[in-house]
Amino acid sequence: MIKHKVVMMGMWGVGKTSLVRRFVNSIYDERYHSTLGVKVDKKVISLEEKPVTLLLWDIAGAEDQFSIPLHYLQGASGYLVVIDGTRKASLECALDLIQLIEDKMGSVPYIPIINKSDLNWEITAEDVTRLLGHQQPIFQSSAKTGENVEEAFLALAKTL
């Protein structure tokens, strides 16, 4: 069986845990649950009729007082960088995290997700495209409604 370590990256409160819970368990909880350290979930998917295990590392959000321990990133096949469409600062944080990974680990496949499509956004998909380029698809998602959640995870799994 193929196994891939996928790391969830992004600023605190962007919805990393909610996206994982929606993808793995098909549930959403309105209450905010701050991740301390790392939480690992697993989901087996089928790609081209072959089982693939995704080990999802939900890492505590990046912020001024917390930097992501690099050993959490070791062995990652790819990552999802989550951006909160309602907070422009989360886009800048996402760009910093992408740069950190490229500096420390080289080129690792990733998919950007602009989360919270069910709310009014401060940023646009064009802002993200302008800053990240056109090298990969950019998903607009909502952990609350489930919009494009599975599609984003599967898109990354296919690139791995």
C-alpha atoms as a PDB file:
ATOM      1  CA  MET A   1       0.000   0.000   0.000  1.00  0.00           C
ATOM      2  CA  ILE A   2       1.221   3.487  -0.852  1.00  0.00           C
ATOM      3  CA  LYS A   3       1.532   5.899   2.103  1.00  0.00           C
ATOM      4  CA  HIS A   4       2.004   9.650   1.954  1.00  0.00           C
ATOM      5  CA  LYS A   5       2.662  12.067   4.787  1.00  0.00           C
ATOM      6  CA  VAL A   6       0.713  15.263   4.116  1.00  0.00           C
ATOM      7  CA  VAL A   7       1.288  18.291   6.318  1.00  0.00           C
ATOM      8  CA  MET A   8      -1.349  20.974   6.929  1.00  0.00           C
ATOM      9  CA  MET A   9       0.327  24.392   6.959  1.00  0.00           C
ATOM     10  CA  GLY A  10      -1.035  27.845   7.677  1.00  0.00           C
ATOM     11  CA  MET A  11      -1.616  30.574  10.196  1.00  0.00           C
ATOM     12  CA  TRP A  12      -3.613  29.887  13.371  1.00  0.00           C
ATOM     13  CA  GLY A  13      -7.370  29.874  12.862  1.00  0.00           C
ATOM     14  CA  VAL A  14      -7.391  29.365   9.086  1.00  0.00           C
ATOM     15  CA  GLY A  15      -9.305  26.086   9.353  1.00  0.00           C
ATOM     16  CA  LYS A  16      -6.639  23.380   9.049  1.00  0.00           C
ATOM     17  CA  THR A  17      -8.209  21.168  11.714  1.00  0.00           C
ATOM     18  CA  SER A  18     -11.708  21.756  10.349  1.00  0.00           C
ATOM     19  CA  LEU A  19     -10.589  20.781   6.841  1.00  0.00           C
ATOM     20  CA  VAL A  20      -8.992  17.574   8.125  1.00  0.00           C
ATOM     21  CA  ARG A  21     -12.079  16.693  10.192  1.00  0.00           C
ATOM     22  CA  ARG A  22     -14.344  17.345   7.188  1.00  0.00           C
ATOM     23  CA  PHE A  23     -12.143  15.220   4.901  1.00  0.00           C
ATOM     24  CA  VAL A  24     -11.530  12.331   7.309  1.00  0.00           C
ATOM     25  CA  ASN A  25     -14.820  12.172   9.245  1.00  0.00           C
ATOM     26  CA  SER A  26     -17.251  14.263   7.136  1.00  0.00           C
ATOM     27  CA  ILE A  27     -18.020  16.465  10.146  1.00  0.00           C
ATOM     28  CA  TYR A  28     -17.778  20.138  11.020  1.00  0.00           C
ATOM     29  CA  ASP A  29     -17.788  21.727  14.470  1.00  0.00           C
ATOM     30  CA  GLU A  30     -18.508  25.453  14.938  1.00  0.00           C
ATOM     31  CA  ARG A  31     -16.326  25.575  18.052  1.00  0.00           C
ATOM     32  CA  TYR A  32     -12.724  26.659  17.561  1.00  0.00           C
ATOM     33  CA  HIS A  33     -10.211  23.992  18.561  1.00  0.00           C
ATOM     34  CA  SER A  34      -6.654  25.276  18.711  1.00  0.00           C
ATOM     35  CA  THR A  35      -4.135  22.577  17.838  1.00  0.00           C
ATOM     36  CA  LEU A  36      -1.258  22.217  20.268  1.00  0.00           C
ATOM     37  CA  GLY A  37       1.817  20.731  18.621  1.00  0.00           C
ATOM     38  CA  VAL A  38       0.632  18.221  16.044  1.00  0.00           C
ATOM     39  CA  LYS A  39      -2.328  15.880  15.582  1.00  0.00           C
ATOM     40  CA  VAL A  40      -2.094  13.023  13.085  1.00  0.00           C
ATOM     41  CA  ASP A  41      -5.110  11.568  11.279  1.00  0.00           C
ATOM     42  CA  LYS A  42      -5.280   8.895   8.608  1.00  0.00           C
ATOM     43  CA  LYS A  43      -7.519   8.342   5.618  1.00  0.00           C
ATOM     44  CA  VAL A  44      -7.342   5.619   3.001  1.00  0.00           C
ATOM     45  CA  ILE A  45      -8.432   6.762  -0.438  1.00  0.00           C
ATOM     46  CA  SER A  46      -8.562   5.041  -3.800  1.00  0.00           C
ATOM     47  CA  LEU A  47      -6.543   6.423  -6.707  1.00  0.00           C
ATOM     48  CA  GLU A  48      -6.795   4.580  -9.995  1.00  0.00           C
ATOM     49  CA  GLU A  49      -8.304   1.654  -8.082  1.00  0.00           C
ATOM     50  CA  LYS A  50      -5.270   1.453  -5.778  1.00  0.00           C
ATOM     51  CA  PRO A  51      -5.492   2.114  -2.032  1.00  0.00           C
ATOM     52  CA  VAL A  52      -3.436   5.081  -0.851  1.00  0.00           C
ATOM     53  CA  THR A  53      -3.028   5.987   2.813  1.00  0.00           C
ATOM     54  CA  LEU A  54      -2.750   9.677   3.621  1.00  0.00           C
ATOM     55  CA  LEU A  55      -1.210  10.472   6.994  1.00  0.00           C
ATOM     56  CA  LEU A  56      -2.445  13.988   7.706  1.00  0.00           C
ATOM     57  CA  TRP A  57      -0.241  15.997  10.054  1.00  0.00           C
ATOM     58  CA  ASP A  58      -2.288  18.892  11.416  1.00  0.00           C
ATOM     59  CA  ILE A  59       0.357  21.230  12.809  1.00  0.00           C
ATOM     60  CA  ALA A  60      -0.353  24.093  15.211  1.00  0.00           C
ATOM     61  CA  GLY A  61      -0.787  27.351  13.339  1.00  0.00           C
ATOM     62  CA  ALA A  62       2.161  29.577  12.630  1.00  0.00           C
ATOM     63  CA  GLU A  63       2.197  32.836  14.559  1.00  0.00           C
ATOM     64  CA  ASP A  64       4.631  35.308  16.064  1.00  0.00           C
ATOM     65  CA  GLN A  65       5.208  33.289  19.252  1.00  0.00           C
ATOM     66  CA  PHE A  66       5.378  29.868  17.575  1.00  0.00           C
ATOM     67  CA  SER A  67       7.545  28.649  14.765  1.00  0.00           C
ATOM     68  CA  ILE A  68       6.926  25.280  13.187  1.00  0.00           C
ATOM     69  CA  PRO A  69       9.465  22.671  14.316  1.00  0.00           C
ATOM     70  CA  LEU A  70      11.222  21.498  11.179  1.00  0.00           C
ATOM     71  CA  HIS A  71      11.188  17.859  12.299  1.00  0.00           C
ATOM     72  CA  TYR A  72       7.377  17.943  11.808  1.00  0.00           C
ATOM     73  CA  LEU A  73       8.049  18.497   8.110  1.00  0.00           C
ATOM     74  CA  GLN A  74      10.613  15.720   7.643  1.00  0.00           C
ATOM     75  CA  GLY A  75       9.402  12.917   5.435  1.00  0.00           C
ATOM     76  CA  ALA A  76       6.472  14.907   4.061  1.00  0.00           C
ATOM     77  CA  SER A  77       5.415  13.916   0.566  1.00  0.00           C
ATOM     78  CA  GLY A  78       3.482  17.152   0.178  1.00  0.00           C
ATOM     79  CA  TYR A  79       1.475  19.755   1.997  1.00  0.00           C
ATOM     80  CA  LEU A  80      -1.685  21.787   1.897  1.00  0.00           C
ATOM     81  CA  VAL A  81      -1.164  25.452   2.640  1.00  0.00           C
ATOM     82  CA  VAL A  82      -4.386  26.886   4.049  1.00  0.00           C
ATOM     83  CA  ILE A  83      -5.282  30.551   3.644  1.00  0.00           C
ATOM     84  CA  ASP A  84      -8.213  32.208   5.406  1.00  0.00           C
ATOM     85  CA  GLY A  85     -10.061  34.226   2.782  1.00  0.00           C
ATOM     86  CA  THR A  86     -11.319  36.571   5.520  1.00  0.00           C
ATOM     87  CA  ARG A  87      -7.810  37.543   6.719  1.00  0.00           C
ATOM     88  CA  LYS A  88      -5.163  39.022   4.414  1.00  0.00           C
ATOM     89  CA  ALA A  89      -2.468  38.332   7.004  1.00  0.00           C
ATOM     90  CA  SER A  90      -2.973  34.587   6.464  1.00  0.00           C
ATOM     91  CA  LEU A  91      -1.880  34.961   2.832  1.00  0.00           C
ATOM     92  CA  GLU A  92       1.395  36.585   3.886  1.00  0.00           C
ATOM     93  CA  CYS A  93       1.921  33.843   6.471  1.00  0.00           C
ATOM     94  CA  ALA A  94       1.264  31.180   3.795  1.00  0.00           C
ATOM     95  CA  LEU A  95       3.899  32.741   1.534  1.00  0.00           C
ATOM     96  CA  ASP A  96       6.406  32.746   4.420  1.00  0.00           C
ATOM     97  CA  LEU A  97       5.677  29.075   5.159  1.00  0.00           C
ATOM     98  CA  ILE A  98       6.097  28.097   1.506  1.00  0.00           C
ATOM     99  CA  GLN A  99       9.439  29.895   1.453  1.00  0.00           C
ATOM    100  CA  LEU A 100      10.514  28.189   4.699  1.00  0.00           C
ATOM    101  CA  ILE A 101       9.761  24.759   3.257  1.00  0.00           C
ATOM    102  CA  GLU A 102      11.542  25.528  -0.013  1.00  0.00           C
ATOM    103  CA  ASP A 103      14.588  26.811   1.892  1.00  0.00           C
ATOM    104  CA  LYS A 104      14.778  23.819   4.242  1.00  0.00           C
ATOM    105  CA  MET A 105      13.437  20.948   2.143  1.00  0.00           C
ATOM    106  CA  GLY A 106      13.640  22.012  -1.479  1.00  0.00           C
ATOM    107  CA  SER A 107      10.725  21.654  -3.841  1.00  0.00           C
ATOM    108  CA  VAL A 108       7.851  19.756  -2.189  1.00  0.00           C
ATOM    109  CA  PRO A 109       4.456  19.444  -3.925  1.00  0.00           C
ATOM    110  CA  TYR A 110       1.731  21.559  -2.374  1.00  0.00           C
ATOM    111  CA  ILE A 111      -1.803  22.768  -2.968  1.00  0.00           C
ATOM    112  CA  PRO A 112      -3.028  26.162  -1.747  1.00  0.00           C
ATOM    113  CA  ILE A 113      -6.542  26.283  -0.310  1.00  0.00           C
ATOM    114  CA  ILE A 114      -8.408  29.507   0.345  1.00  0.00           C
ATOM    115  CA  ASN A 115     -10.781  28.425   3.091  1.00  0.00           C
ATOM    116  CA  LYS A 116     -14.048  29.879   4.424  1.00  0.00           C
ATOM    117  CA  SER A 117     -15.770  30.404   1.057  1.00  0.00           C
ATOM    118  CA  ASP A 118     -19.055  30.581   2.975  1.00  0.00           C
ATOM    119  CA  LEU A 119     -17.982  33.985   4.401  1.00  0.00           C
ATOM    120  CA  ASN A 120     -17.111  37.400   2.920  1.00  0.00           C
ATOM    121  CA  TRP A 121     -13.460  37.502   1.890  1.00  0.00           C
ATOM    122  CA  GLU A 122     -10.778  40.184   2.191  1.00  0.00           C
ATOM    123  CA  ILE A 123      -8.601  38.507  -0.420  1.00  0.00           C
ATOM    124  CA  THR A 124      -9.347  37.280  -3.892  1.00  0.00           C
ATOM    125  CA  ALA A 125      -8.243  34.221  -5.819  1.00  0.00           C
ATOM    126  CA  GLU A 126      -6.460  36.681  -8.110  1.00  0.00           C
ATOM    127  CA  ASP A 127      -4.417  37.964  -5.126  1.00  0.00           C
ATOM    128  CA  VAL A 128      -3.329  34.396  -4.414  1.00  0.00           C
ATOM    129  CA  THR A 129      -2.602  33.610  -8.070  1.00  0.00           C
ATOM    130  CA  ARG A 130      -0.591  36.810  -8.431  1.00  0.00           C
ATOM    131  CA  LEU A 131       1.527  35.935  -5.401  1.00  0.00           C
ATOM    132  CA  LEU A 132       1.808  32.159  -5.836  1.00  0.00           C
ATOM    133  CA  GLY A 133       1.784  31.947  -9.608  1.00  0.00           C
ATOM    134  CA  HIS A 134      -0.032  29.480 -11.834  1.00  0.00           C
ATOM    135  CA  GLN A 135       2.051  26.409 -11.043  1.00  0.00           C
ATOM    136  CA  GLN A 136      -0.718  24.514  -9.266  1.00  0.00           C
ATOM    137  CA  PRO A 137      -4.480  24.692  -8.870  1.00  0.00           C
ATOM    138  CA  ILE A 138      -5.806  26.938  -6.109  1.00  0.00           C
ATOM    139  CA  PHE A 139      -8.897  25.637  -4.347  1.00  0.00           C
ATOM    140  CA  GLN A 140     -11.594  27.772  -2.777  1.00  0.00           C
ATOM    141  CA  SER A 141     -13.119  25.731   0.033  1.00  0.00           C
ATOM    142  CA  SER A 142     -15.387  25.721   3.037  1.00  0.00           C
ATOM    143  CA  ALA A 143     -14.848  23.219   5.827  1.00  0.00           C
ATOM    144  CA  LYS A 144     -18.303  24.211   7.041  1.00  0.00           C
ATOM    145  CA  THR A 145     -20.177  23.303   3.836  1.00  0.00           C
ATOM    146  CA  GLY A 146     -17.656  20.776   2.518  1.00  0.00           C
ATOM    147  CA  GLU A 147     -17.148  22.718  -0.712  1.00  0.00           C
ATOM    148  CA  ASN A 148     -13.973  21.560  -2.516  1.00  0.00           C
ATOM    149  CA  VAL A 149     -12.512  19.918   0.594  1.00  0.00           C
ATOM    150  CA  GLU A 150     -12.231  16.402  -0.786  1.00  0.00           C
ATOM    151  CA  GLU A 151     -11.240  17.763  -4.201  1.00  0.00           C
ATOM    152  CA  ALA A 152      -8.250  19.629  -2.730  1.00  0.00           C
ATOM    153  CA  PHE A 153      -6.958  16.618  -0.795  1.00  0.00           C
ATOM    154  CA  LEU A 154      -7.418  14.342  -3.810  1.00  0.00           C
ATOM    155  CA  ALA A 155      -5.663  16.829  -6.110  1.00  0.00           C
ATOM    156  CA  LEU A 156      -2.618  16.746  -3.858  1.00  0.00           C
ATOM    157  CA  ALA A 157      -2.752  12.953  -3.572  1.00  0.00           C
ATOM    158  CA  LYS A 158      -2.788  12.663  -7.379  1.00  0.00           C
ATOM    159  CA  THR A 159       0.319  14.835  -7.706  1.00  0.00           C
ATOM    160  CA  LEU A 160       2.154  12.666  -5.171  1.00  0.00           C
END
